[in-house]
Amino acid sequence: MQIRKLKYEPDVKNISNNPPLSSEQLQREIDYYRAEKILKKMLERNLISNTEFNKIMGLNRVSFAPVLARLMPETLDI
């Protein structure tokens, strides 16, 4: 029986073609996340409706322009 030691070398070139986030972009991501958290609490406490939540989140996507918005669902059904 032969034992071979495998060496893992990640291909750094293929990890991402996107440049790192600027400090301004990172701040927009943080602000978007905080706004979403506040809105979810308001929704849980019935201070806003599901429709209002989705409308405000849509406006927040435009205002904050988060990079990860492309991965997020357009509406939330709670």
Protein backbone atom coordinates (compact mmCIF):
# COMPACT_ATOMS: atom_id res chain seq x y z
CA MET A 1 0.00 0.00 0.00
CA GLN A 2 1.31 3.43 -0.93
CA ILE A 3 0.52 6.54 1.08
CA ARG A 4 0.60 9.84 -0.71
CA LYS A 5 0.46 13.18 1.00
CA LEU A 6 -1.85 15.52 -0.86
CA LYS A 7 -0.99 19.16 -0.88
CA TYR A 8 -3.87 21.60 -1.22
CA GLU A 9 -3.05 24.76 -3.09
CA PRO A 10 -6.06 26.99 -3.75
CA ASP A 11 -6.15 28.62 -7.14
CA VAL A 12 -6.11 32.23 -6.01
CA LYS A 13 -6.65 33.53 -9.54
CA ASN A 14 -10.13 31.98 -9.71
CA ILE A 15 -11.41 32.99 -6.27
CA SER A 16 -12.83 36.31 -7.40
CA ASN A 17 -12.52 38.67 -10.31
CA ASN A 18 -14.15 41.44 -8.27
CA PRO A 19 -12.05 44.07 -6.55
CA PRO A 20 -12.40 44.32 -2.75
CA LEU A 21 -15.12 46.59 -1.37
CA SER A 22 -14.17 50.20 -0.81
CA SER A 23 -14.78 51.68 2.64
CA GLU A 24 -17.78 53.57 1.19
CA GLN A 25 -19.28 50.38 -0.24
CA LEU A 26 -18.68 48.54 3.02
CA GLN A 27 -20.44 51.33 4.94
CA ARG A 28 -23.43 51.10 2.56
CA GLU A 29 -23.60 47.33 3.19
CA ILE A 30 -23.58 47.92 6.95
CA ASP A 31 -26.22 50.66 6.73
CA TYR A 32 -28.42 48.43 4.56
CA TYR A 33 -28.10 45.57 7.03
CA ARG A 34 -29.00 47.83 9.96
CA ALA A 35 -32.02 49.25 8.13
CA GLU A 36 -33.18 45.73 7.32
CA LYS A 37 -32.83 44.67 10.94
CA ILE A 38 -34.89 47.63 12.15
CA LEU A 39 -37.59 46.98 9.54
CA LYS A 40 -37.81 43.30 10.51
CA LYS A 41 -38.35 44.30 14.15
CA MET A 42 -41.05 46.75 13.09
CA LEU A 43 -42.69 44.01 11.02
CA GLU A 44 -42.54 41.52 13.91
CA ARG A 45 -44.23 44.08 16.19
CA ASN A 46 -46.91 44.76 13.56
CA LEU A 47 -45.87 48.39 13.20
CA ILE A 48 -45.69 47.93 9.42
CA SER A 49 -47.36 45.49 7.04
CA ASN A 50 -45.62 42.93 4.85
CA THR A 51 -46.37 45.09 1.82
CA GLU A 52 -44.86 48.17 3.48
CA PHE A 53 -41.81 46.16 4.50
CA ASN A 54 -41.22 45.00 0.94
CA LYS A 55 -41.71 48.50 -0.50
CA ILE A 56 -39.26 50.03 1.99
CA MET A 57 -36.72 47.27 1.37
CA GLY A 58 -36.98 47.94 -2.36
CA LEU A 59 -36.28 51.62 -1.75
CA ASN A 60 -33.37 50.69 0.52
CA ARG A 61 -31.85 48.57 -2.24
CA VAL A 62 -31.85 51.66 -4.45
CA SER A 63 -30.67 54.05 -1.72
CA PHE A 64 -27.88 51.93 -0.28
CA ALA A 65 -27.05 50.00 -3.48
CA PRO A 66 -25.70 47.01 -1.56
CA VAL A 67 -23.44 44.73 -3.56
CA LEU A 68 -25.20 41.65 -2.20
CA ALA A 69 -28.67 42.87 -3.22
CA ARG A 70 -28.43 40.76 -6.38
CA LEU A 71 -28.48 37.66 -4.17
CA MET A 72 -31.38 38.76 -1.99
CA PRO A 73 -35.04 37.99 -2.72
CA GLU A 74 -37.15 40.90 -3.95
CA THR A 75 -39.87 40.31 -1.37
CA LEU A 76 -40.14 38.64 1.99
CA ASP A 77 -43.13 36.50 2.90
CA ILE A 78 -43.54 36.31 6.66
